[in-house]
Amino acid sequence: MRAVIQVASNAHVEVEGEVVGKLDAPGLVILLGVTHDDDQDTARKVAEKIWQLRILEDETSAAGTDAPLLVISQFTLYGSVRKGRRPSWSNAAPGPISEPLYEYFVRYLRELGATVATGKFGAMMNVSLTNTGPFTVIVDSAELA
């Protein structure tokens, strides 16, 4: 599982011109990709890491400040440009595998106490945000202990 996390002062995601998720206060935008060997344990570890990361103002975490989260599925995080001129998506898990894990990830963050808004899985989305800092960090489950 791979997550690109951006600290944002505001953000929203639209599907077909309609806002489906937004940050109501400064928080984190999380772009989430799922790969073939991910499972619920992976989702829990990544969610816990993100929730506790001290990346907000004054070295606080989303957990410590109740900062809201906007989680958006993004299979392209597992794109490979190693060969040729077109990215390969073979490392991204297909929808029937990734969607339940994406939903579990969101549900688990809520169980941890997070306020979570989401995009729409598998939809073409327009994401708008104001990145604070700018500050962006990548969490990859392959690198977690």
N, C-alpha and C. Protein backbone atom coordinates (compact mmCIF):
# COMPACT_ATOMS: atom_id res chain seq x y z
N MET A 1 0.86 -1.16 0.00
CA MET A 1 0.00 0.00 0.00
C MET A 1 0.91 1.22 0.00
N ARG A 2 0.51 2.19 -0.78
CA ARG A 2 1.31 3.41 -0.91
C ARG A 2 0.38 4.61 -0.75
N ALA A 3 0.84 5.57 0.06
CA ALA A 3 0.05 6.78 0.29
C ALA A 3 0.92 8.00 0.09
N VAL A 4 0.41 8.94 -0.66
CA VAL A 4 1.03 10.26 -0.79
C VAL A 4 0.19 11.19 0.07
N ILE A 5 0.83 11.79 1.07
CA ILE A 5 0.13 12.61 2.05
C ILE A 5 0.55 14.06 1.87
N GLN A 6 -0.42 14.93 1.74
CA GLN A 6 -0.15 16.35 1.60
C GLN A 6 -0.86 17.11 2.71
N VAL A 7 -0.12 17.99 3.37
CA VAL A 7 -0.72 18.88 4.36
C VAL A 7 -1.42 19.98 3.57
N ALA A 8 -2.69 20.19 3.87
CA ALA A 8 -3.49 21.15 3.09
C ALA A 8 -4.29 22.07 4.00
N SER A 9 -4.35 23.33 3.60
CA SER A 9 -5.20 24.27 4.34
C SER A 9 -6.65 24.13 3.93
N ASN A 10 -6.88 23.64 2.70
CA ASN A 10 -8.23 23.33 2.23
C ASN A 10 -8.12 22.38 1.05
N ALA A 11 -9.18 21.64 0.82
CA ALA A 11 -9.19 20.70 -0.31
C ALA A 11 -10.61 20.23 -0.56
N HIS A 12 -10.87 19.87 -1.80
CA HIS A 12 -12.13 19.21 -2.13
C HIS A 12 -11.93 18.35 -3.37
N VAL A 13 -12.82 17.39 -3.53
CA VAL A 13 -12.78 16.49 -4.69
C VAL A 13 -14.16 16.49 -5.33
N GLU A 14 -14.16 16.60 -6.65
CA GLU A 14 -15.41 16.63 -7.42
C GLU A 14 -15.49 15.44 -8.35
N VAL A 15 -16.71 14.95 -8.53
CA VAL A 15 -17.03 13.93 -9.53
C VAL A 15 -18.18 14.49 -10.35
N GLU A 16 -17.98 14.59 -11.65
CA GLU A 16 -18.99 15.13 -12.56
C GLU A 16 -19.53 16.48 -12.08
N GLY A 17 -18.62 17.35 -11.62
CA GLY A 17 -18.99 18.69 -11.21
C GLY A 17 -19.59 18.82 -9.82
N GLU A 18 -19.75 17.71 -9.12
CA GLU A 18 -20.34 17.73 -7.78
C GLU A 18 -19.27 17.43 -6.73
N VAL A 19 -19.20 18.24 -5.68
CA VAL A 19 -18.26 18.00 -4.60
C VAL A 19 -18.72 16.77 -3.82
N VAL A 20 -17.85 15.75 -3.76
CA VAL A 20 -18.20 14.52 -3.05
C VAL A 20 -17.44 14.38 -1.73
N GLY A 21 -16.38 15.17 -1.56
CA GLY A 21 -15.62 15.15 -0.32
C GLY A 21 -14.81 16.41 -0.19
N LYS A 22 -14.62 16.87 1.06
CA LYS A 22 -13.83 18.08 1.26
C LYS A 22 -13.29 18.12 2.68
N LEU A 23 -12.24 18.91 2.85
CA LEU A 23 -11.72 19.20 4.18
C LEU A 23 -12.46 20.43 4.68
N ASP A 24 -13.06 20.33 5.85
CA ASP A 24 -13.76 21.47 6.45
C ASP A 24 -12.83 22.33 7.28
N ALA A 25 -11.58 21.89 7.46
CA ALA A 25 -10.57 22.61 8.22
C ALA A 25 -9.21 22.14 7.69
N PRO A 26 -8.12 22.81 8.04
CA PRO A 26 -6.81 22.32 7.61
C PRO A 26 -6.59 20.88 8.05
N GLY A 27 -6.01 20.08 7.16
CA GLY A 27 -5.80 18.67 7.46
C GLY A 27 -4.89 18.01 6.45
N LEU A 28 -5.16 16.73 6.19
CA LEU A 28 -4.33 15.94 5.29
C LEU A 28 -5.13 15.43 4.11
N VAL A 29 -4.53 15.53 2.93
CA VAL A 29 -5.07 14.88 1.74
C VAL A 29 -4.23 13.64 1.52
N ILE A 30 -4.89 12.49 1.41
CA ILE A 30 -4.19 11.21 1.28
C ILE A 30 -4.60 10.56 -0.03
N LEU A 31 -3.64 10.41 -0.94
CA LEU A 31 -3.85 9.66 -2.17
C LEU A 31 -3.38 8.25 -1.88
N LEU A 32 -4.26 7.26 -2.07
CA LEU A 32 -3.98 5.89 -1.63
C LEU A 32 -3.99 4.91 -2.80
N GLY A 33 -2.90 4.16 -2.93
CA GLY A 33 -2.81 3.11 -3.93
C GLY A 33 -2.64 1.76 -3.26
N VAL A 34 -3.22 0.73 -3.86
CA VAL A 34 -3.18 -0.63 -3.32
C VAL A 34 -2.49 -1.53 -4.32
N THR A 35 -1.61 -2.42 -3.81
CA THR A 35 -0.94 -3.38 -4.66
C THR A 35 -1.41 -4.79 -4.32
N HIS A 36 -0.94 -5.77 -5.07
CA HIS A 36 -1.47 -7.14 -5.02
C HIS A 36 -1.35 -7.84 -3.67
N ASP A 37 -0.27 -7.63 -2.94
CA ASP A 37 -0.09 -8.38 -1.70
C ASP A 37 -0.59 -7.64 -0.45
N ASP A 38 -1.30 -6.54 -0.65
CA ASP A 38 -1.86 -5.82 0.49
C ASP A 38 -3.04 -6.58 1.10
N ASP A 39 -3.22 -6.38 2.40
CA ASP A 39 -4.35 -6.99 3.10
C ASP A 39 -4.81 -6.04 4.20
N GLN A 40 -5.74 -6.48 5.03
CA GLN A 40 -6.26 -5.60 6.08
C GLN A 40 -5.18 -5.22 7.09
N ASP A 41 -4.25 -6.12 7.36
CA ASP A 41 -3.15 -5.80 8.27
C ASP A 41 -2.31 -4.66 7.70
N THR A 42 -2.06 -4.71 6.40
CA THR A 42 -1.32 -3.64 5.73
C THR A 42 -2.07 -2.32 5.87
N ALA A 43 -3.36 -2.35 5.62
CA ALA A 43 -4.18 -1.14 5.70
C ALA A 43 -4.15 -0.55 7.11
N ARG A 44 -4.22 -1.41 8.13
CA ARG A 44 -4.16 -0.93 9.51
C ARG A 44 -2.82 -0.25 9.81
N LYS A 45 -1.73 -0.88 9.39
CA LYS A 45 -0.39 -0.32 9.65
C LYS A 45 -0.22 1.03 8.98
N VAL A 46 -0.64 1.15 7.74
CA VAL A 46 -0.50 2.41 7.01
C VAL A 46 -1.40 3.47 7.64
N ALA A 47 -2.63 3.11 7.98
CA ALA A 47 -3.55 4.06 8.60
C ALA A 47 -3.00 4.56 9.93
N GLU A 48 -2.51 3.65 10.76
CA GLU A 48 -1.96 4.05 12.06
C GLU A 48 -0.75 4.96 11.89
N LYS A 49 0.12 4.66 10.94
CA LYS A 49 1.30 5.48 10.68
C LYS A 49 0.88 6.89 10.29
N ILE A 50 -0.04 7.00 9.35
CA ILE A 50 -0.48 8.32 8.88
C ILE A 50 -1.15 9.09 10.01
N TRP A 51 -2.03 8.44 10.76
CA TRP A 51 -2.78 9.09 11.83
C TRP A 51 -1.84 9.66 12.90
N GLN A 52 -0.71 8.99 13.13
CA GLN A 52 0.22 9.39 14.19
C GLN A 52 1.40 10.23 13.69
N LEU A 53 1.56 10.38 12.37
CA LEU A 53 2.70 11.15 11.84
C LEU A 53 2.66 12.59 12.35
N ARG A 54 3.76 13.03 12.89
CA ARG A 54 3.85 14.39 13.42
C ARG A 54 4.34 15.33 12.32
N ILE A 55 3.42 15.65 11.41
CA ILE A 55 3.77 16.46 10.25
C ILE A 55 2.99 17.76 10.17
N LEU A 56 2.15 18.00 11.14
CA LEU A 56 1.38 19.24 11.15
C LEU A 56 2.12 20.32 11.93
N GLU A 57 1.54 21.49 11.98
CA GLU A 57 2.16 22.63 12.67
C GLU A 57 2.57 22.25 14.09
N ASP A 58 3.71 22.74 14.52
CA ASP A 58 4.26 22.48 15.86
C ASP A 58 4.52 20.99 16.09
N GLU A 59 4.84 20.28 15.02
CA GLU A 59 5.15 18.84 15.09
C GLU A 59 4.05 18.03 15.75
N THR A 60 2.82 18.36 15.40
CA THR A 60 1.68 17.59 15.91
C THR A 60 1.18 16.64 14.83
N SER A 61 0.37 15.69 15.23
CA SER A 61 -0.20 14.71 14.31
C SER A 61 -1.68 15.02 14.08
N ALA A 62 -2.25 14.37 13.10
CA ALA A 62 -3.69 14.49 12.89
C ALA A 62 -4.43 13.96 14.12
N ALA A 63 -3.89 12.89 14.71
CA ALA A 63 -4.51 12.32 15.91
C ALA A 63 -4.48 13.32 17.06
N GLY A 64 -3.39 14.06 17.19
CA GLY A 64 -3.24 15.00 18.29
C GLY A 64 -4.02 16.29 18.13
N THR A 65 -4.46 16.57 16.91
CA THR A 65 -5.15 17.84 16.65
C THR A 65 -6.55 17.64 16.09
N ASP A 66 -6.95 16.39 15.88
CA ASP A 66 -8.24 16.08 15.24
C ASP A 66 -8.35 16.70 13.85
N ALA A 67 -7.22 16.81 13.16
CA ALA A 67 -7.24 17.34 11.80
C ALA A 67 -8.01 16.39 10.89
N PRO A 68 -8.85 16.91 10.02
CA PRO A 68 -9.62 16.04 9.12
C PRO A 68 -8.75 15.46 8.02
N LEU A 69 -9.22 14.37 7.44
CA LEU A 69 -8.51 13.68 6.37
C LEU A 69 -9.42 13.59 5.15
N LEU A 70 -8.83 13.74 3.97
CA LEU A 70 -9.52 13.52 2.71
C LEU A 70 -8.77 12.41 2.00
N VAL A 71 -9.40 11.24 1.86
CA VAL A 71 -8.76 10.07 1.28
C VAL A 71 -9.30 9.83 -0.12
N ILE A 72 -8.38 9.71 -1.07
CA ILE A 72 -8.74 9.56 -2.48
C ILE A 72 -7.99 8.36 -3.05
N SER A 73 -8.71 7.44 -3.67
CA SER A 73 -8.06 6.28 -4.28
C SER A 73 -7.28 6.72 -5.52
N GLN A 74 -6.09 6.13 -5.69
CA GLN A 74 -5.27 6.48 -6.86
C GLN A 74 -4.38 5.30 -7.24
N PHE A 75 -4.88 4.49 -8.17
CA PHE A 75 -4.13 3.31 -8.60
C PHE A 75 -2.82 3.70 -9.29
N THR A 76 -2.74 4.91 -9.82
CA THR A 76 -1.54 5.31 -10.56
C THR A 76 -0.30 5.42 -9.68
N LEU A 77 -0.47 5.37 -8.35
CA LEU A 77 0.70 5.38 -7.47
C LEU A 77 1.56 4.15 -7.66
N TYR A 78 0.99 3.11 -8.25
CA TYR A 78 1.76 1.91 -8.56
C TYR A 78 2.11 1.81 -10.04
N GLY A 79 2.07 2.92 -10.73
CA GLY A 79 2.49 2.94 -12.13
C GLY A 79 4.00 2.77 -12.25
N SER A 80 4.42 2.09 -13.28
CA SER A 80 5.85 1.90 -13.54
C SER A 80 6.18 2.47 -14.92
N VAL A 81 7.24 3.25 -14.98
CA VAL A 81 7.70 3.81 -16.25
C VAL A 81 9.07 3.22 -16.63
N ARG A 82 9.33 2.06 -16.10
CA ARG A 82 10.63 1.41 -16.32
C ARG A 82 10.89 1.11 -17.79
N LYS A 83 9.87 0.64 -18.48
CA LYS A 83 10.02 0.28 -19.89
C LYS A 83 9.09 1.12 -20.75
N GLY A 84 9.56 1.42 -21.94
CA GLY A 84 8.71 2.09 -22.92
C GLY A 84 8.34 3.51 -22.54
N ARG A 85 7.31 4.00 -23.22
CA ARG A 85 6.88 5.39 -23.02
C ARG A 85 5.53 5.51 -22.34
N ARG A 86 4.89 4.38 -22.13
CA ARG A 86 3.59 4.38 -21.45
C ARG A 86 3.72 3.69 -20.10
N PRO A 87 3.14 4.26 -19.07
CA PRO A 87 3.21 3.60 -17.76
C PRO A 87 2.51 2.24 -17.78
N SER A 88 3.04 1.34 -16.98
CA SER A 88 2.40 0.05 -16.76
C SER A 88 1.70 0.11 -15.40
N TRP A 89 0.49 -0.42 -15.36
CA TRP A 89 -0.28 -0.42 -14.11
C TRP A 89 -0.32 -1.81 -13.49
N SER A 90 0.54 -2.72 -13.92
CA SER A 90 0.48 -4.11 -13.47
C SER A 90 0.74 -4.28 -11.98
N ASN A 91 1.41 -3.32 -11.35
CA ASN A 91 1.66 -3.43 -9.90
C ASN A 91 0.47 -2.96 -9.06
N ALA A 92 -0.50 -2.32 -9.69
CA ALA A 92 -1.69 -1.87 -8.97
C ALA A 92 -2.69 -3.02 -8.88
N ALA A 93 -3.26 -3.21 -7.71
CA ALA A 93 -4.27 -4.26 -7.54
C ALA A 93 -5.53 -3.86 -8.31
N PRO A 94 -6.21 -4.83 -8.92
CA PRO A 94 -7.46 -4.52 -9.63
C PRO A 94 -8.57 -4.11 -8.65
N GLY A 95 -9.58 -3.44 -9.18
CA GLY A 95 -10.68 -2.93 -8.37
C GLY A 95 -11.29 -3.91 -7.39
N PRO A 96 -11.58 -5.17 -7.80
CA PRO A 96 -12.19 -6.10 -6.86
C PRO A 96 -11.32 -6.40 -5.63
N ILE A 97 -10.02 -6.18 -5.74
CA ILE A 97 -9.12 -6.36 -4.59
C ILE A 97 -8.91 -5.03 -3.87
N SER A 98 -8.67 -3.97 -4.64
CA SER A 98 -8.30 -2.70 -4.03
C SER A 98 -9.47 -1.95 -3.40
N GLU A 99 -10.66 -2.04 -3.98
CA GLU A 99 -11.78 -1.28 -3.42
C GLU A 99 -12.12 -1.69 -1.99
N PRO A 100 -12.24 -3.00 -1.69
CA PRO A 100 -12.53 -3.37 -0.30
C PRO A 100 -11.42 -2.93 0.67
N LEU A 101 -10.17 -2.95 0.23
CA LEU A 101 -9.08 -2.52 1.10
C LEU A 101 -9.08 -1.01 1.30
N TYR A 102 -9.41 -0.29 0.25
CA TYR A 102 -9.56 1.17 0.35
C TYR A 102 -10.67 1.49 1.35
N GLU A 103 -11.80 0.82 1.23
CA GLU A 103 -12.92 1.05 2.15
C GLU A 103 -12.56 0.67 3.58
N TYR A 104 -11.81 -0.43 3.74
CA TYR A 104 -11.37 -0.84 5.07
C TYR A 104 -10.44 0.20 5.67
N PHE A 105 -9.50 0.71 4.86
CA PHE A 105 -8.56 1.75 5.30
C PHE A 105 -9.33 2.96 5.84
N VAL A 106 -10.33 3.42 5.11
CA VAL A 106 -11.15 4.57 5.52
C VAL A 106 -11.90 4.24 6.81
N ARG A 107 -12.51 3.07 6.86
CA ARG A 107 -13.28 2.66 8.04
C ARG A 107 -12.36 2.58 9.28
N TYR A 108 -11.16 2.04 9.08
CA TYR A 108 -10.23 1.90 10.21
C TYR A 108 -9.77 3.27 10.71
N LEU A 109 -9.50 4.21 9.80
CA LEU A 109 -9.16 5.57 10.23
C LEU A 109 -10.28 6.15 11.08
N ARG A 110 -11.51 5.92 10.68
CA ARG A 110 -12.65 6.42 11.47
C ARG A 110 -12.70 5.75 12.84
N GLU A 111 -12.38 4.45 12.90
CA GLU A 111 -12.33 3.75 14.18
C GLU A 111 -11.26 4.34 15.09
N LEU A 112 -10.16 4.83 14.50
CA LEU A 112 -9.10 5.46 15.27
C LEU A 112 -9.52 6.84 15.79
N GLY A 113 -10.61 7.37 15.25
CA GLY A 113 -11.12 8.66 15.69
C GLY A 113 -11.04 9.76 14.66
N ALA A 114 -10.60 9.43 13.46
CA ALA A 114 -10.44 10.44 12.41
C ALA A 114 -11.77 10.85 11.80
N THR A 115 -11.84 12.12 11.42
CA THR A 115 -12.92 12.61 10.57
C THR A 115 -12.43 12.45 9.14
N VAL A 116 -13.10 11.60 8.37
CA VAL A 116 -12.61 11.24 7.04
C VAL A 116 -13.65 11.54 5.98
N ALA A 117 -13.24 12.31 4.98
CA ALA A 117 -14.03 12.50 3.76
C ALA A 117 -13.33 11.71 2.67
N THR A 118 -14.06 11.36 1.62
CA THR A 118 -13.47 10.55 0.55
C THR A 118 -13.87 11.06 -0.82
N GLY A 119 -13.11 10.58 -1.79
CA GLY A 119 -13.52 10.72 -3.18
C GLY A 119 -14.45 9.57 -3.50
N LYS A 120 -14.60 9.26 -4.78
CA LYS A 120 -15.43 8.14 -5.21
C LYS A 120 -14.53 7.13 -5.89
N PHE A 121 -14.44 5.94 -5.33
CA PHE A 121 -13.52 4.93 -5.83
C PHE A 121 -13.78 4.66 -7.31
N GLY A 122 -12.70 4.67 -8.09
CA GLY A 122 -12.77 4.32 -9.50
C GLY A 122 -13.30 5.40 -10.42
N ALA A 123 -13.73 6.53 -9.87
CA ALA A 123 -14.29 7.60 -10.70
C ALA A 123 -13.19 8.53 -11.20
N MET A 124 -13.49 9.21 -12.30
CA MET A 124 -12.63 10.31 -12.74
C MET A 124 -12.94 11.48 -11.83
N MET A 125 -11.93 11.97 -11.13
CA MET A 125 -12.14 13.01 -10.12
C MET A 125 -11.29 14.23 -10.42
N ASN A 126 -11.77 15.38 -10.00
CA ASN A 126 -10.98 16.61 -9.99
C ASN A 126 -10.68 16.93 -8.54
N VAL A 127 -9.40 16.97 -8.21
CA VAL A 127 -8.97 17.23 -6.85
C VAL A 127 -8.34 18.62 -6.79
N SER A 128 -8.84 19.44 -5.88
CA SER A 128 -8.28 20.78 -5.68
C SER A 128 -7.82 20.90 -4.24
N LEU A 129 -6.62 21.45 -4.06
CA LEU A 129 -6.13 21.64 -2.70
C LEU A 129 -5.12 22.77 -2.67
N THR A 130 -4.97 23.33 -1.49
CA THR A 130 -3.91 24.28 -1.23
C THR A 130 -2.94 23.57 -0.30
N ASN A 131 -1.78 23.21 -0.85
CA ASN A 131 -0.75 22.46 -0.12
C ASN A 131 -0.01 23.44 0.77
N THR A 132 -0.01 23.18 2.07
CA THR A 132 0.65 24.05 3.03
C THR A 132 2.11 23.65 3.15
N GLY A 133 2.98 24.61 3.00
CA GLY A 133 4.42 24.36 3.11
C GLY A 133 5.17 24.76 1.86
N PRO A 134 5.09 24.03 0.80
CA PRO A 134 4.36 22.77 0.60
C PRO A 134 5.00 21.62 1.38
N PHE A 135 4.15 20.72 1.84
CA PHE A 135 4.62 19.56 2.58
C PHE A 135 3.93 18.33 2.03
N THR A 136 4.74 17.41 1.51
CA THR A 136 4.24 16.15 0.95
C THR A 136 5.17 15.04 1.40
N VAL A 137 4.60 13.93 1.83
CA VAL A 137 5.40 12.78 2.26
C VAL A 137 4.75 11.51 1.71
N ILE A 138 5.58 10.50 1.45
CA ILE A 138 5.09 9.21 0.95
C ILE A 138 5.25 8.16 2.04
N VAL A 139 4.19 7.42 2.28
CA VAL A 139 4.25 6.27 3.19
C VAL A 139 4.04 5.03 2.33
N ASP A 140 5.00 4.12 2.36
CA ASP A 140 4.93 2.88 1.59
C ASP A 140 4.98 1.72 2.57
N SER A 141 4.00 0.84 2.52
CA SER A 141 3.94 -0.27 3.46
C SER A 141 5.17 -1.16 3.38
N ALA A 142 5.84 -1.19 2.22
CA ALA A 142 7.04 -2.00 2.06
C ALA A 142 8.18 -1.47 2.93
N GLU A 143 8.08 -0.23 3.37
CA GLU A 143 9.14 0.38 4.18
C GLU A 143 8.80 0.43 5.67
N LEU A 144 7.62 -0.03 6.05
CA LEU A 144 7.22 0.00 7.46
C LEU A 144 7.72 -1.24 8.18
N ALA A 145 8.10 -1.05 9.44
CA ALA A 145 8.61 -2.18 10.24
C ALA A 145 7.47 -3.05 10.72
